[in-house]
Amino acid sequence: MSSWDLTLFMVFISSFWQGVLSSNIVYMSQLYVHVGAKLPISNAVLGTHYAQSPSECGMRCLHDEDCLSFAHNNIDKECRMYGEYKDVSNVPANEWTYFARKQLIAKTDSGPREFVRMCYFTNWAQYSSPPFTKDDIDAIDPFMCSHIIYAFANLKDNELLEYEWNDQESYSKINALKSSNAKLKTLLSVGGASNGEAPLNSTLSSEENMRHFVNQSIAFIIENGFDGINLEFSGKRNKEKFADLVTMLREGVDKVSATHPMEIAMFGPTAQDFIDGSFAVARLSQELDFVILGTFYFQGDPNTLALHTALYPKRPDSGEWSTSNTAWAVDSWMERGMPKDKIVIIVATTAVKYTLDDVTNHRPGDGATKGDTVGFQETCTFIKDSNAQCYQDNQQVGDYCVRGNTWISFDGSSTLTYKAEWVIQHGLGGIATWTLDRDDFSNSCTMGAYNLTKSWTSVLSDASKQ
């Protein structure tokens, strides 16, 4: 037996017993309390997993048979998870080169730094069930988030406009939170799905339109007490013209920075065709303070169960499954020139419900029909009142519960804690939550108000103090 054969055999044996003793799909015997060992944080780049010994590769296996798909580079001590090669001798040299490319994402730089804790507030939350009222705005802990993003203002005829009839009052209430925490920053988000891409494309059609937008939007933000703007447009457009607009916006913001310091953030899609087709990433990286990646709703086949906030890919590592995850999205933006400390990932307080095709098949990838998106209060009620069986998927990193033919995907508090640690280790900019009003803001689940949001904001806050 060759040394490589022996190595792979040891990986298999170690992984087999690891799987027997502690399955990586973990049943949760209590609500949102994960049983077993804490999810391991790899000393790795986002797309691959480094190990100190071959046996550690096996500890990342989800199922026994998956262990056969590991390839271990004995020199770099690098494991390829979900690999297609069962024998390392069959791995072409250029494949190892591809793995090495992932090293552009390094571990966190040493020394203290701030991780942003961005929290979206939506102006339609007042119509939700339960409604997020004016009193609920007043009750937001002003120290929980470093930034509150107000969604959304409209773009029309090259100008920012209020969207809801009572936006002015809500602007005042959100910004009043800064009286208790002077470090809190508020950003006004413009665009969104309801606004569409057409108004932006109209603005991009001429330099005159773009300069009018820059001047009016800066004045609007200052007048209403905000500390910056978030550009929430993800459709197709002329990417060079959009970069021109952001450059003009940066120049305008810099002119008023002495009296009104402002930040510029931007929503970033996760689909490769939208990234490459609409964003000149290298240029934008010079002007933006943050790019907020839409890693909270990976849309796949509506007839297949999926973790909508997956951190890692689902096996097999090919096609749609390889790109519908947070790690891939972060890799993609970094490879195109966005500094890691400007990248913010979104985590969700929402869950996605499915109806199973077959109640005996309820793992990610099995057949189902996608249903509604619901808030954490409904998720909590479903689990507590229905005796649902809940699981943690440690391969993709996410949670799901099933009862009868109803299946629900979400991120529980310990999964969100893990994601915060993941962000810290990889030196990213921080996390944003979508949204405050879909969390349990009223403590109806008796787990504490904003249980999900606080599970990760506390981790980033503590790390920022060190």
Protein backbone atom coordinates (compact mmCIF):
# COMPACT_ATOMS: atom_id res chain seq x y z
CA MET A 1 0.00 0.00 0.00
CA SER A 2 1.41 3.41 -1.02
CA SER A 3 1.74 6.30 1.43
CA TRP A 4 -1.15 8.07 -0.31
CA ASP A 5 -3.34 4.96 -0.13
CA LEU A 6 -2.56 4.68 3.57
CA THR A 7 -3.38 8.36 4.09
CA LEU A 8 -6.74 8.06 2.36
CA PHE A 9 -7.49 4.84 4.24
CA MET A 10 -6.82 6.58 7.56
CA VAL A 11 -9.07 9.46 6.48
CA PHE A 12 -11.83 6.98 5.78
CA ILE A 13 -11.46 5.09 9.07
CA SER A 14 -11.28 8.27 11.14
CA SER A 15 -14.29 9.70 9.37
CA PHE A 16 -16.30 6.52 9.71
CA TRP A 17 -15.96 6.45 13.50
CA GLN A 18 -16.46 10.19 13.72
CA GLY A 19 -19.74 9.74 11.86
CA VAL A 20 -20.79 6.82 14.06
CA LEU A 21 -20.04 8.62 17.32
CA SER A 22 -21.28 12.08 16.42
CA SER A 23 -23.43 12.57 13.34
CA ASN A 24 -22.97 15.92 11.66
CA ILE A 25 -26.68 16.23 11.11
CA VAL A 26 -27.55 16.93 14.71
CA TYR A 27 -31.00 16.48 16.17
CA MET A 28 -32.04 19.35 18.42
CA SER A 29 -33.75 18.00 21.52
CA GLN A 30 -34.59 21.49 22.76
CA LEU A 31 -35.70 24.52 20.81
CA TYR A 32 -32.69 26.00 18.96
CA VAL A 33 -30.20 24.37 21.33
CA HIS A 34 -27.75 22.33 19.27
CA VAL A 35 -26.73 19.00 20.75
CA GLY A 36 -23.13 17.85 20.57
CA ALA A 37 -19.89 19.66 19.85
CA LYS A 38 -19.82 23.23 18.68
CA LEU A 39 -19.44 23.67 14.94
CA PRO A 40 -15.72 23.66 14.12
CA ILE A 41 -14.16 26.86 12.83
CA SER A 42 -11.62 25.93 10.18
CA ASN A 43 -8.20 27.59 10.05
CA ALA A 44 -9.06 27.95 6.40
CA VAL A 45 -9.96 30.13 3.54
CA LEU A 46 -13.66 30.32 2.74
CA GLY A 47 -13.85 27.86 -0.11
CA THR A 48 -11.63 25.10 1.24
CA HIS A 49 -10.72 23.60 4.60
CA TYR A 50 -7.16 23.31 5.90
CA ALA A 51 -6.29 20.65 8.43
CA GLN A 52 -3.37 19.88 10.70
CA SER A 53 -3.49 16.17 9.89
CA PRO A 54 -5.24 13.91 7.37
CA SER A 55 -7.64 12.68 10.04
CA GLU A 56 -9.00 16.19 10.50
CA CYS A 57 -10.26 16.10 6.93
CA GLY A 58 -12.47 13.18 7.84
CA MET A 59 -13.97 15.11 10.73
CA ARG A 60 -15.59 17.41 8.16
CA CYS A 61 -17.57 14.53 6.61
CA LEU A 62 -21.34 14.72 6.66
CA HIS A 63 -21.95 11.08 5.75
CA ASP A 64 -19.64 8.08 5.76
CA GLU A 65 -19.58 7.78 1.98
CA ASP A 66 -18.52 11.42 1.64
CA CYS A 67 -15.17 10.59 3.20
CA LEU A 68 -14.14 8.82 0.00
CA SER A 69 -14.40 12.11 -1.89
CA PHE A 70 -11.69 13.85 0.12
CA ALA A 71 -8.36 14.66 -1.47
CA HIS A 72 -5.56 15.66 0.87
CA ASN A 73 -2.51 17.62 -0.21
CA ASN A 74 0.22 16.45 2.14
CA ILE A 75 2.43 19.47 1.42
CA ASP A 76 -0.08 22.26 1.95
CA LYS A 77 -2.20 20.22 4.37
CA GLU A 78 -5.27 21.21 2.42
CA CYS A 79 -8.47 19.20 2.24
CA ARG A 80 -10.85 19.56 -0.61
CA MET A 81 -14.35 19.05 0.74
CA TYR A 82 -17.00 17.64 -1.62
CA GLY A 83 -14.24 16.82 -4.13
CA GLU A 84 -14.88 14.57 -7.11
CA TYR A 85 -11.56 12.71 -6.82
CA LYS A 86 -11.49 9.53 -4.76
CA ASP A 87 -7.79 8.95 -5.31
CA VAL A 88 -5.37 11.82 -4.92
CA SER A 89 -3.14 10.35 -7.62
CA ASN A 90 -5.85 11.20 -10.15
CA VAL A 91 -5.98 14.89 -9.27
CA PRO A 92 -4.49 16.96 -12.12
CA ALA A 93 -1.83 19.48 -11.16
CA ASN A 94 -4.00 22.36 -12.31
CA GLU A 95 -6.66 21.38 -9.77
CA TRP A 96 -4.22 21.97 -6.92
CA THR A 97 -3.42 25.34 -8.49
CA TYR A 98 -7.10 26.18 -8.39
CA PHE A 99 -7.24 25.34 -4.68
CA ALA A 100 -4.22 27.55 -4.00
CA ARG A 101 -6.04 30.46 -5.62
CA LYS A 102 -8.49 30.41 -2.74
CA GLN A 103 -5.68 31.49 -0.42
CA LEU A 104 -6.40 35.11 -1.36
CA ILE A 105 -8.84 34.98 1.54
CA ALA A 106 -6.62 34.87 4.60
CA LYS A 107 -7.34 34.70 8.29
CA THR A 108 -8.13 37.79 10.29
CA ASP A 109 -5.35 40.34 10.55
CA SER A 110 -3.93 40.69 14.04
CA GLY A 111 -4.83 43.68 16.17
CA PRO A 112 -8.11 45.30 17.23
CA ARG A 113 -10.71 46.32 14.66
CA GLU A 114 -14.39 47.08 14.36
CA PHE A 115 -16.90 44.65 12.85
CA VAL A 116 -20.06 46.38 11.68
CA ARG A 117 -23.42 45.17 12.94
CA MET A 118 -25.96 46.39 10.41
CA CYS A 119 -29.68 45.99 11.02
CA TYR A 120 -32.31 46.59 8.36
CA PHE A 121 -35.52 48.36 9.36
CA THR A 122 -38.32 48.27 6.76
CA ASN A 123 -40.92 51.00 6.42
CA TRP A 124 -43.58 48.40 5.57
CA ALA A 125 -43.05 46.59 8.88
CA GLN A 126 -45.98 48.59 10.23
CA TYR A 127 -48.27 46.44 8.06
CA SER A 128 -46.78 43.09 9.14
CA SER A 129 -48.39 40.63 11.51
CA PRO A 130 -47.64 41.46 14.24
CA PRO A 131 -47.10 45.09 13.22
CA PHE A 132 -43.86 46.87 14.06
CA THR A 133 -45.22 50.07 15.58
CA LYS A 134 -43.80 53.47 16.47
CA ASP A 135 -43.38 52.24 20.04
CA ASP A 136 -41.37 49.27 18.77
CA ILE A 137 -39.00 51.68 17.02
CA ASP A 138 -38.53 53.53 20.30
CA ALA A 139 -37.81 50.22 22.06
CA ILE A 140 -34.93 49.19 19.76
CA ASP A 141 -31.76 48.76 21.82
CA PRO A 142 -29.55 51.56 20.44
CA PHE A 143 -26.40 49.58 21.30
CA MET A 144 -27.43 46.32 19.59
CA CYS A 145 -26.49 47.47 16.08
CA SER A 146 -23.65 49.69 14.88
CA HIS A 147 -25.76 50.73 11.87
CA ILE A 148 -29.49 50.82 11.23
CA ILE A 149 -30.40 50.76 7.54
CA TYR A 150 -33.76 52.34 6.75
CA ALA A 151 -35.39 50.56 3.79
CA PHE A 152 -36.46 52.08 1.45
CA ALA A 153 -36.53 55.48 -0.16
CA ASN A 154 -37.67 55.74 -3.76
CA LEU A 155 -35.63 56.98 -6.69
CA LYS A 156 -37.73 58.99 -9.14
CA ASP A 157 -36.63 61.58 -11.69
CA ASN A 158 -33.08 61.49 -10.28
CA GLU A 159 -34.22 62.34 -6.74
CA LEU A 160 -34.78 60.53 -3.45
CA LEU A 161 -38.38 60.52 -2.28
CA GLU A 162 -40.26 59.12 0.71
CA TYR A 163 -42.03 55.86 -0.01
CA GLU A 164 -44.53 55.58 2.87
CA TRP A 165 -46.94 58.27 4.02
CA ASN A 166 -45.31 58.42 7.47
CA ASP A 167 -41.65 58.08 6.49
CA GLN A 168 -40.75 61.49 7.88
CA GLU A 169 -41.96 60.49 11.34
CA SER A 170 -40.15 57.15 11.12
CA TYR A 171 -36.96 58.88 9.96
CA SER A 172 -37.09 61.00 13.10
CA LYS A 173 -37.72 58.04 15.40
CA ILE A 174 -34.90 55.93 13.95
CA ASN A 175 -32.45 58.82 14.15
CA ALA A 176 -33.59 59.67 17.69
CA LEU A 177 -31.96 56.42 18.84
CA LYS A 178 -28.62 58.19 18.37
CA SER A 179 -29.41 60.40 21.35
CA SER A 180 -28.75 57.34 23.54
CA ASN A 181 -25.79 56.05 21.53
CA ALA A 182 -23.77 58.70 19.75
CA LYS A 183 -21.79 56.00 17.91
CA LEU A 184 -24.88 54.57 16.22
CA LYS A 185 -25.03 55.31 12.49
CA THR A 186 -28.10 55.35 10.28
CA LEU A 187 -28.13 54.80 6.52
CA LEU A 188 -30.98 55.49 4.13
CA SER A 189 -31.37 52.69 1.61
CA VAL A 190 -32.62 53.71 -1.83
CA GLY A 191 -34.10 51.34 -4.39
CA GLY A 192 -35.29 47.87 -3.53
CA ALA A 193 -37.44 45.49 -5.53
CA SER A 194 -40.51 47.74 -5.54
CA ASN A 195 -38.53 50.65 -7.00
CA GLY A 196 -37.08 48.55 -9.79
CA GLU A 197 -34.08 49.21 -12.00
CA ALA A 198 -35.67 51.62 -14.52
CA PRO A 199 -35.28 54.80 -12.40
CA LEU A 200 -31.58 54.05 -11.89
CA ASN A 201 -31.00 53.43 -15.59
CA SER A 202 -32.69 56.76 -16.31
CA THR A 203 -30.32 58.49 -13.89
CA LEU A 204 -27.34 56.78 -15.53
CA SER A 205 -28.38 58.01 -18.97
CA SER A 206 -26.57 61.34 -18.64
CA GLU A 207 -23.94 63.06 -16.53
CA GLU A 208 -26.42 65.84 -15.78
CA ASN A 209 -28.87 63.35 -14.30
CA MET A 210 -26.16 61.72 -12.21
CA ARG A 211 -24.93 65.03 -10.78
CA HIS A 212 -28.48 66.04 -9.93
CA PHE A 213 -28.97 62.75 -8.07
CA VAL A 214 -25.72 63.21 -6.14
CA ASN A 215 -26.51 66.75 -5.04
CA GLN A 216 -30.15 66.08 -4.14
CA SER A 217 -29.51 62.79 -2.34
CA ILE A 218 -26.74 64.23 -0.15
CA ALA A 219 -28.99 67.16 0.78
CA PHE A 220 -31.90 64.77 1.48
CA ILE A 221 -29.77 62.56 3.73
CA ILE A 222 -28.42 65.50 5.72
CA GLU A 223 -31.85 67.12 6.04
CA ASN A 224 -33.36 63.94 7.46
CA GLY A 225 -30.56 63.19 9.90
CA PHE A 226 -28.96 60.12 8.29
CA ASP A 227 -25.27 59.27 8.25
CA GLY A 228 -25.05 57.81 4.78
CA ILE A 229 -26.70 56.04 1.88
CA ASN A 230 -27.11 52.41 0.83
CA LEU A 231 -27.61 51.83 -2.90
CA GLU A 232 -29.96 48.85 -3.19
CA PHE A 233 -30.01 48.05 -6.91
CA SER A 234 -29.14 44.57 -8.16
CA GLY A 235 -30.50 44.40 -11.72
CA LYS A 236 -28.75 44.75 -15.06
CA ARG A 237 -27.30 48.15 -15.96
CA ASN A 238 -24.27 49.79 -17.54
CA LYS A 239 -21.71 48.88 -14.91
CA GLU A 240 -19.18 51.55 -15.90
CA LYS A 241 -21.84 54.26 -15.72
CA PHE A 242 -22.89 52.98 -12.31
CA ALA A 243 -19.27 53.12 -11.15
CA ASP A 244 -19.14 56.71 -12.48
CA LEU A 245 -22.20 57.53 -10.36
CA VAL A 246 -20.64 56.05 -7.21
CA THR A 247 -17.43 57.99 -7.88
CA MET A 248 -19.43 61.21 -8.18
CA LEU A 249 -21.27 60.34 -4.98
CA ARG A 250 -17.97 59.80 -3.16
CA GLU A 251 -16.69 63.16 -4.38
CA GLY A 252 -19.88 64.83 -3.16
CA VAL A 253 -19.74 63.10 0.22
CA ASP A 254 -16.11 64.09 0.68
CA LYS A 255 -16.99 67.75 0.12
CA VAL A 256 -19.37 67.77 3.10
CA SER A 257 -17.34 65.41 5.31
CA ALA A 258 -16.02 68.17 7.56
CA THR A 259 -19.52 68.99 8.84
CA HIS A 260 -21.51 65.88 7.85
CA PRO A 261 -19.34 62.74 7.61
CA MET A 262 -21.19 60.13 5.58
CA GLU A 263 -20.77 56.50 4.54
CA ILE A 264 -21.61 54.91 1.20
CA ALA A 265 -22.76 51.30 1.16
CA MET A 266 -24.13 49.17 -1.65
CA PHE A 267 -26.14 45.97 -1.92
CA GLY A 268 -24.29 43.27 -3.86
CA PRO A 269 -25.97 40.29 -5.56
CA THR A 270 -24.56 36.78 -5.31
CA ALA A 271 -25.25 35.48 -8.83
CA GLN A 272 -22.18 35.56 -11.05
CA ASP A 273 -23.93 36.95 -14.14
CA PHE A 274 -25.30 39.89 -12.14
CA ILE A 275 -21.95 40.57 -10.47
CA ASP A 276 -20.04 40.59 -13.75
CA GLY A 277 -22.78 42.26 -15.77
CA SER A 278 -23.65 45.16 -13.47
CA PHE A 279 -20.71 45.90 -11.15
CA ALA A 280 -17.21 47.15 -11.97
CA VAL A 281 -16.01 45.73 -8.66
CA ALA A 282 -12.42 46.97 -8.76
CA ARG A 283 -13.57 50.55 -9.35
CA LEU A 284 -16.34 50.38 -6.76
CA SER A 285 -13.91 49.05 -4.16
CA GLN A 286 -12.14 52.42 -4.19
CA GLU A 287 -15.28 54.42 -3.41
CA LEU A 288 -17.50 52.28 -1.18
CA ASP A 289 -17.28 51.90 2.57
CA PHE A 290 -19.13 48.57 2.45
CA VAL A 291 -20.78 46.15 0.06
CA ILE A 292 -23.63 44.20 1.64
CA LEU A 293 -23.96 40.81 -0.03
CA GLY A 294 -27.41 39.28 -0.49
CA THR A 295 -26.53 36.01 1.20
CA PHE A 296 -29.90 35.63 2.89
CA TYR A 297 -32.07 34.10 0.16
CA PHE A 298 -30.33 31.77 -2.26
CA GLN A 299 -33.04 30.96 -4.76
CA GLY A 300 -32.74 27.54 -6.31
CA ASP A 301 -35.14 25.06 -7.81
CA PRO A 302 -38.53 25.75 -6.17
CA ASN A 303 -39.19 22.02 -6.30
CA THR A 304 -36.15 21.11 -4.23
CA LEU A 305 -35.52 21.56 -0.50
CA ALA A 306 -32.77 24.11 0.14
CA LEU A 307 -31.16 25.99 2.99
CA HIS A 308 -31.76 29.56 1.81
CA THR A 309 -28.89 31.03 3.85
CA ALA A 310 -26.31 28.27 3.29
CA LEU A 311 -22.76 29.09 4.34
CA TYR A 312 -21.08 26.29 2.36
CA PRO A 313 -22.07 24.36 -0.77
CA LYS A 314 -24.12 21.21 -0.80
CA ARG A 315 -22.55 18.10 -2.24
CA PRO A 316 -22.12 17.48 -5.15
CA ASP A 317 -19.84 20.45 -5.65
CA SER A 318 -21.06 21.30 -9.13
CA GLY A 319 -23.56 23.48 -10.93
CA GLU A 320 -26.04 25.53 -8.95
CA TRP A 321 -25.17 23.90 -5.63
CA SER A 322 -21.57 25.10 -5.82
CA THR A 323 -22.52 28.78 -6.14
CA SER A 324 -25.64 29.09 -3.97
CA ASN A 325 -23.82 29.74 -0.72
CA THR A 326 -22.19 32.54 1.24
CA ALA A 327 -18.60 31.31 0.92
CA TRP A 328 -18.79 31.30 -2.86
CA ALA A 329 -20.33 34.79 -2.95
CA VAL A 330 -17.60 36.24 -0.72
CA ASP A 331 -14.92 34.51 -2.77
CA SER A 332 -16.39 35.95 -5.97
CA TRP A 333 -16.45 39.55 -4.79
CA MET A 334 -12.93 39.30 -3.40
CA GLU A 335 -11.56 37.73 -6.56
CA ARG A 336 -12.94 40.71 -8.47
CA GLY A 337 -11.17 43.20 -6.22
CA MET A 338 -13.38 43.96 -3.21
CA PRO A 339 -11.32 44.13 0.02
CA LYS A 340 -12.49 41.59 2.57
CA ASP A 341 -12.92 44.19 5.32
CA LYS A 342 -15.50 45.99 3.17
CA ILE A 343 -17.62 42.86 2.67
CA VAL A 344 -20.70 42.44 4.85
CA ILE A 345 -22.82 39.28 4.67
CA ILE A 346 -26.56 39.27 5.31
CA VAL A 347 -28.15 36.82 7.73
CA ALA A 348 -31.89 36.32 7.87
CA THR A 349 -34.48 36.41 10.61
CA THR A 350 -36.86 34.92 8.06
CA ALA A 351 -37.53 31.28 7.24
CA VAL A 352 -38.74 29.55 4.08
CA LYS A 353 -41.49 26.93 4.21
CA TYR A 354 -41.87 23.96 1.86
CA THR A 355 -44.40 21.19 1.33
CA LEU A 356 -42.67 17.81 1.03
CA ASP A 357 -43.33 15.50 -1.90
CA ASP A 358 -42.61 12.51 0.35
CA VAL A 359 -42.61 12.81 4.15
CA THR A 360 -39.87 10.18 4.40
CA ASN A 361 -37.47 12.30 2.30
CA HIS A 362 -36.79 15.57 4.06
CA ARG A 363 -33.12 16.42 3.62
CA PRO A 364 -31.82 19.35 1.55
CA GLY A 365 -31.97 18.32 -2.10
CA ASP A 366 -35.13 16.20 -1.75
CA GLY A 367 -38.30 17.02 -3.65
CA ALA A 368 -40.76 19.63 -2.36
CA THR A 369 -42.73 22.73 -3.31
CA LYS A 370 -41.53 26.09 -2.04
CA GLY A 371 -44.05 28.08 -0.03
CA ASP A 372 -44.11 31.29 1.98
CA THR A 373 -41.33 33.24 3.65
CA VAL A 374 -42.16 33.74 7.33
CA GLY A 375 -40.67 35.56 10.30
CA PHE A 376 -39.03 34.06 13.35
CA GLN A 377 -42.16 34.39 15.47
CA GLU A 378 -44.04 32.05 13.12
CA THR A 379 -41.03 29.72 12.93
CA CYS A 380 -40.88 29.56 16.71
CA THR A 381 -44.61 28.87 16.97
CA PHE A 382 -44.39 26.10 14.37
CA ILE A 383 -41.65 24.34 16.30
CA LYS A 384 -43.09 24.78 19.80
CA ASP A 385 -46.69 23.95 18.96
CA SER A 386 -46.26 21.13 16.46
CA ASN A 387 -43.66 18.83 18.02
CA ALA A 388 -41.55 19.31 14.92
CA GLN A 389 -38.28 17.44 14.56
CA CYS A 390 -35.40 19.86 14.07
CA TYR A 391 -31.98 19.28 12.60
CA GLN A 392 -28.72 21.12 12.06
CA ASP A 393 -26.99 20.62 8.73
CA ASN A 394 -23.29 21.03 9.42
CA GLN A 395 -22.29 20.58 5.79
CA GLN A 396 -23.99 23.72 4.50
CA VAL A 397 -24.42 25.20 8.00
CA GLY A 398 -28.08 25.87 8.65
CA ASP A 399 -31.16 24.59 10.45
CA TYR A 400 -34.40 22.97 9.35
CA CYS A 401 -37.45 21.50 11.01
CA VAL A 402 -40.07 19.09 9.72
CA ARG A 403 -43.51 17.99 10.84
CA GLY A 404 -45.70 15.91 8.57
CA ASN A 405 -45.31 17.31 5.07
CA THR A 406 -44.25 20.80 6.25
CA TRP A 407 -40.54 21.65 6.13
CA ILE A 408 -38.99 24.94 7.19
CA SER A 409 -35.46 26.30 6.65
CA PHE A 410 -33.97 28.95 8.95
CA ASP A 411 -30.90 29.98 10.92
CA GLY A 412 -31.12 29.35 14.66
CA SER A 413 -29.22 31.31 17.27
CA SER A 414 -26.22 28.98 17.50
CA THR A 415 -25.88 28.90 13.71
CA LEU A 416 -25.85 32.70 13.69
CA THR A 417 -23.24 32.70 16.45
CA TYR A 418 -21.10 30.43 14.31
CA LYS A 419 -21.49 32.72 11.29
CA ALA A 420 -20.34 35.67 13.40
CA GLU A 421 -17.24 33.73 14.44
CA TRP A 422 -16.69 32.80 10.80
CA VAL A 423 -16.82 36.48 9.79
CA ILE A 424 -14.33 37.39 12.51
CA GLN A 425 -11.89 34.65 11.60
CA HIS A 426 -11.90 35.53 7.93
CA GLY A 427 -11.56 39.24 8.57
CA LEU A 428 -14.72 40.37 6.79
CA GLY A 429 -16.39 43.71 7.42
CA GLY A 430 -19.30 42.38 9.46
CA ILE A 431 -22.90 41.20 9.25
CA ALA A 432 -26.26 42.74 8.36
CA THR A 433 -29.60 41.28 9.43
CA TRP A 434 -32.69 41.16 7.24
CA THR A 435 -34.76 42.33 9.11
CA LEU A 436 -35.36 43.59 12.66
CA ASP A 437 -39.14 43.36 12.34
CA ARG A 438 -39.03 39.66 11.34
CA ASP A 439 -37.10 38.78 14.50
CA ASP A 440 -39.04 38.17 17.73
CA PHE A 441 -38.97 41.84 18.70
CA SER A 442 -41.83 41.46 21.18
CA ASN A 443 -40.42 38.35 22.92
CA SER A 444 -43.51 36.30 22.14
CA CYS A 445 -41.34 33.17 22.08
CA THR A 446 -40.04 33.99 25.58
CA MET A 447 -36.43 33.57 24.44
CA GLY A 448 -35.66 37.26 24.76
CA ALA A 449 -36.46 40.13 22.42
CA TYR A 450 -34.38 40.04 19.23
CA ASN A 451 -33.04 36.62 20.14
CA LEU A 452 -31.65 35.91 16.67
CA THR A 453 -30.14 39.33 16.11
CA LYS A 454 -28.46 39.47 19.52
CA SER A 455 -26.97 36.00 19.05
CA TRP A 456 -24.56 37.37 16.43
CA THR A 457 -24.36 41.09 17.33
CA SER A 458 -23.03 40.20 20.78
CA VAL A 459 -20.22 38.15 19.23
CA LEU A 460 -19.17 40.92 16.83
CA SER A 461 -19.49 43.55 19.55
CA ASP A 462 -17.24 41.61 21.91
CA ALA A 463 -14.68 41.05 19.14
CA SER A 464 -14.66 44.77 18.33
CA LYS A 465 -13.76 45.62 21.94
CA GLN A 466 -10.66 43.42 22.00
